[in-house]
Amino acid sequence: MGILSWIIMGLIVGVLAKFIMPGKDPGGIIITILIGIAGAFVGGFIGSFLGLGAVTGFNIGSLLLAVGGAVLLLILYRMIKK
């Protein structure tokens, strides 16, 4: 995937993760994109470690892994923030 694809996917994943876990989180479109991109890396790493696959492009499996990773990052952020 190219850089523009990562940015678009990061935005989609970040918005979905924030929709699943509403609350006080860092805001703004740039932070949402960064959460989505980082979530894709985390989700891909965990998915490949567990044998579920990796984030390879715009498909449903990659999207689910990325959203799962982004939600995990938001959970960790909230735990550290408290």
C-alpha atoms as a PDB file:
ATOM      1  CA  MET A   1       0.000   0.000   0.000  1.00  0.00           C
ATOM      2  CA  GLY A   2       1.174   3.479  -0.769  1.00  0.00           C
ATOM      3  CA  ILE A   3       1.340   6.389   1.640  1.00  0.00           C
ATOM      4  CA  LEU A   4      -1.979   7.827   0.465  1.00  0.00           C
ATOM      5  CA  SER A   5      -3.643   4.451   1.002  1.00  0.00           C
ATOM      6  CA  TRP A   6      -2.262   4.300   4.553  1.00  0.00           C
ATOM      7  CA  ILE A   7      -3.578   7.801   5.269  1.00  0.00           C
ATOM      8  CA  ILE A   8      -7.054   7.006   3.932  1.00  0.00           C
ATOM      9  CA  MET A   9      -7.183   3.672   5.737  1.00  0.00           C
ATOM     10  CA  GLY A  10      -5.876   5.343   8.905  1.00  0.00           C
ATOM     11  CA  LEU A  11      -8.674   7.895   8.752  1.00  0.00           C
ATOM     12  CA  ILE A  12     -11.345   5.229   8.217  1.00  0.00           C
ATOM     13  CA  VAL A  13      -9.958   2.982  10.960  1.00  0.00           C
ATOM     14  CA  GLY A  14      -9.470   5.871  13.398  1.00  0.00           C
ATOM     15  CA  VAL A  15     -13.036   7.090  12.899  1.00  0.00           C
ATOM     16  CA  LEU A  16     -14.430   3.562  13.336  1.00  0.00           C
ATOM     17  CA  ALA A  17     -12.372   2.999  16.495  1.00  0.00           C
ATOM     18  CA  LYS A  18     -13.530   6.295  17.988  1.00  0.00           C
ATOM     19  CA  PHE A  19     -17.115   5.413  17.030  1.00  0.00           C
ATOM     20  CA  ILE A  20     -16.827   2.053  18.812  1.00  0.00           C
ATOM     21  CA  MET A  21     -15.239   3.665  21.898  1.00  0.00           C
ATOM     22  CA  PRO A  22     -16.684   7.166  22.313  1.00  0.00           C
ATOM     23  CA  GLY A  23     -15.267   9.370  25.019  1.00  0.00           C
ATOM     24  CA  LYS A  24     -12.522  11.841  25.758  1.00  0.00           C
ATOM     25  CA  ASP A  25      -9.615  10.934  23.514  1.00  0.00           C
ATOM     26  CA  PRO A  26      -7.078  13.026  21.690  1.00  0.00           C
ATOM     27  CA  GLY A  27      -9.000  14.766  18.929  1.00  0.00           C
ATOM     28  CA  GLY A  28      -8.446  16.205  15.532  1.00  0.00           C
ATOM     29  CA  ILE A  29      -8.180  14.628  12.131  1.00  0.00           C
ATOM     30  CA  ILE A  30      -4.396  14.183  12.268  1.00  0.00           C
ATOM     31  CA  ILE A  31      -4.541  12.339  15.603  1.00  0.00           C
ATOM     32  CA  THR A  32      -7.408  10.187  14.293  1.00  0.00           C
ATOM     33  CA  ILE A  33      -5.352   9.250  11.223  1.00  0.00           C
ATOM     34  CA  LEU A  34      -2.306   8.472  13.385  1.00  0.00           C
ATOM     35  CA  ILE A  35      -4.398   6.302  15.717  1.00  0.00           C
ATOM     36  CA  GLY A  36      -5.751   4.435  12.695  1.00  0.00           C
ATOM     37  CA  ILE A  37      -2.314   3.887  11.159  1.00  0.00           C
ATOM     38  CA  ALA A  38      -0.804   2.792  14.473  1.00  0.00           C
ATOM     39  CA  GLY A  39      -3.818   0.535  15.021  1.00  0.00           C
ATOM     40  CA  ALA A  40      -3.214  -1.076  11.637  1.00  0.00           C
ATOM     41  CA  PHE A  41       0.387  -1.828  12.601  1.00  0.00           C
ATOM     42  CA  VAL A  42      -0.610  -3.199  16.020  1.00  0.00           C
ATOM     43  CA  GLY A  43      -3.516  -5.199  14.597  1.00  0.00           C
ATOM     44  CA  GLY A  44      -1.360  -6.578  11.782  1.00  0.00           C
ATOM     45  CA  PHE A  45       1.386  -7.582  14.189  1.00  0.00           C
ATOM     46  CA  ILE A  46      -1.012  -9.319  16.583  1.00  0.00           C
ATOM     47  CA  GLY A  47      -2.950 -10.892  13.710  1.00  0.00           C
ATOM     48  CA  SER A  48       0.153 -12.350  12.090  1.00  0.00           C
ATOM     49  CA  PHE A  49       1.417 -13.537  15.502  1.00  0.00           C
ATOM     50  CA  LEU A  50      -1.876 -15.375  16.107  1.00  0.00           C
ATOM     51  CA  GLY A  51      -2.058 -16.676  12.531  1.00  0.00           C
ATOM     52  CA  LEU A  52      -5.069 -14.542  11.563  1.00  0.00           C
ATOM     53  CA  GLY A  53      -3.300 -12.765   8.728  1.00  0.00           C
ATOM     54  CA  ALA A  54      -1.919  -9.276   8.330  1.00  0.00           C
ATOM     55  CA  VAL A  55      -3.044  -5.867   7.124  1.00  0.00           C
ATOM     56  CA  THR A  56      -2.408  -6.167   3.394  1.00  0.00           C
ATOM     57  CA  GLY A  57      -4.746  -3.657   1.806  1.00  0.00           C
ATOM     58  CA  PHE A  58      -8.355  -2.546   1.626  1.00  0.00           C
ATOM     59  CA  ASN A  59     -10.247  -5.719   2.458  1.00  0.00           C
ATOM     60  CA  ILE A  60     -12.566  -6.701   5.290  1.00  0.00           C
ATOM     61  CA  GLY A  61      -9.993  -8.814   7.131  1.00  0.00           C
ATOM     62  CA  SER A  62      -7.410  -6.035   7.126  1.00  0.00           C
ATOM     63  CA  LEU A  63      -9.999  -3.502   8.174  1.00  0.00           C
ATOM     64  CA  LEU A  64     -11.124  -5.643  11.124  1.00  0.00           C
ATOM     65  CA  LEU A  65      -7.542  -6.236  12.267  1.00  0.00           C
ATOM     66  CA  ALA A  66      -6.740  -2.533  12.007  1.00  0.00           C
ATOM     67  CA  VAL A  67      -9.871  -1.462  13.905  1.00  0.00           C
ATOM     68  CA  GLY A  68      -9.105  -4.038  16.594  1.00  0.00           C
ATOM     69  CA  GLY A  69      -5.585  -2.663  16.945  1.00  0.00           C
ATOM     70  CA  ALA A  70      -6.845   0.930  17.110  1.00  0.00           C
ATOM     71  CA  VAL A  71      -9.428   0.031  19.770  1.00  0.00           C
ATOM     72  CA  LEU A  72      -6.662  -1.696  21.742  1.00  0.00           C
ATOM     73  CA  LEU A  73      -4.565   1.483  21.531  1.00  0.00           C
ATOM     74  CA  LEU A  74      -7.496   3.586  22.760  1.00  0.00           C
ATOM     75  CA  ILE A  75      -8.003   1.178  25.695  1.00  0.00           C
ATOM     76  CA  LEU A  76      -4.314   1.424  26.581  1.00  0.00           C
ATOM     77  CA  TYR A  77      -4.412   5.212  26.295  1.00  0.00           C
ATOM     78  CA  ARG A  78      -7.367   5.415  28.683  1.00  0.00           C
ATOM     79  CA  MET A  79      -5.692   3.054  31.161  1.00  0.00           C
ATOM     80  CA  ILE A  80      -2.475   5.096  31.168  1.00  0.00           C
ATOM     81  CA  LYS A  81      -4.381   8.385  31.361  1.00  0.00           C
ATOM     82  CA  LYS A  82      -6.118   7.396  34.632  1.00  0.00           C
END
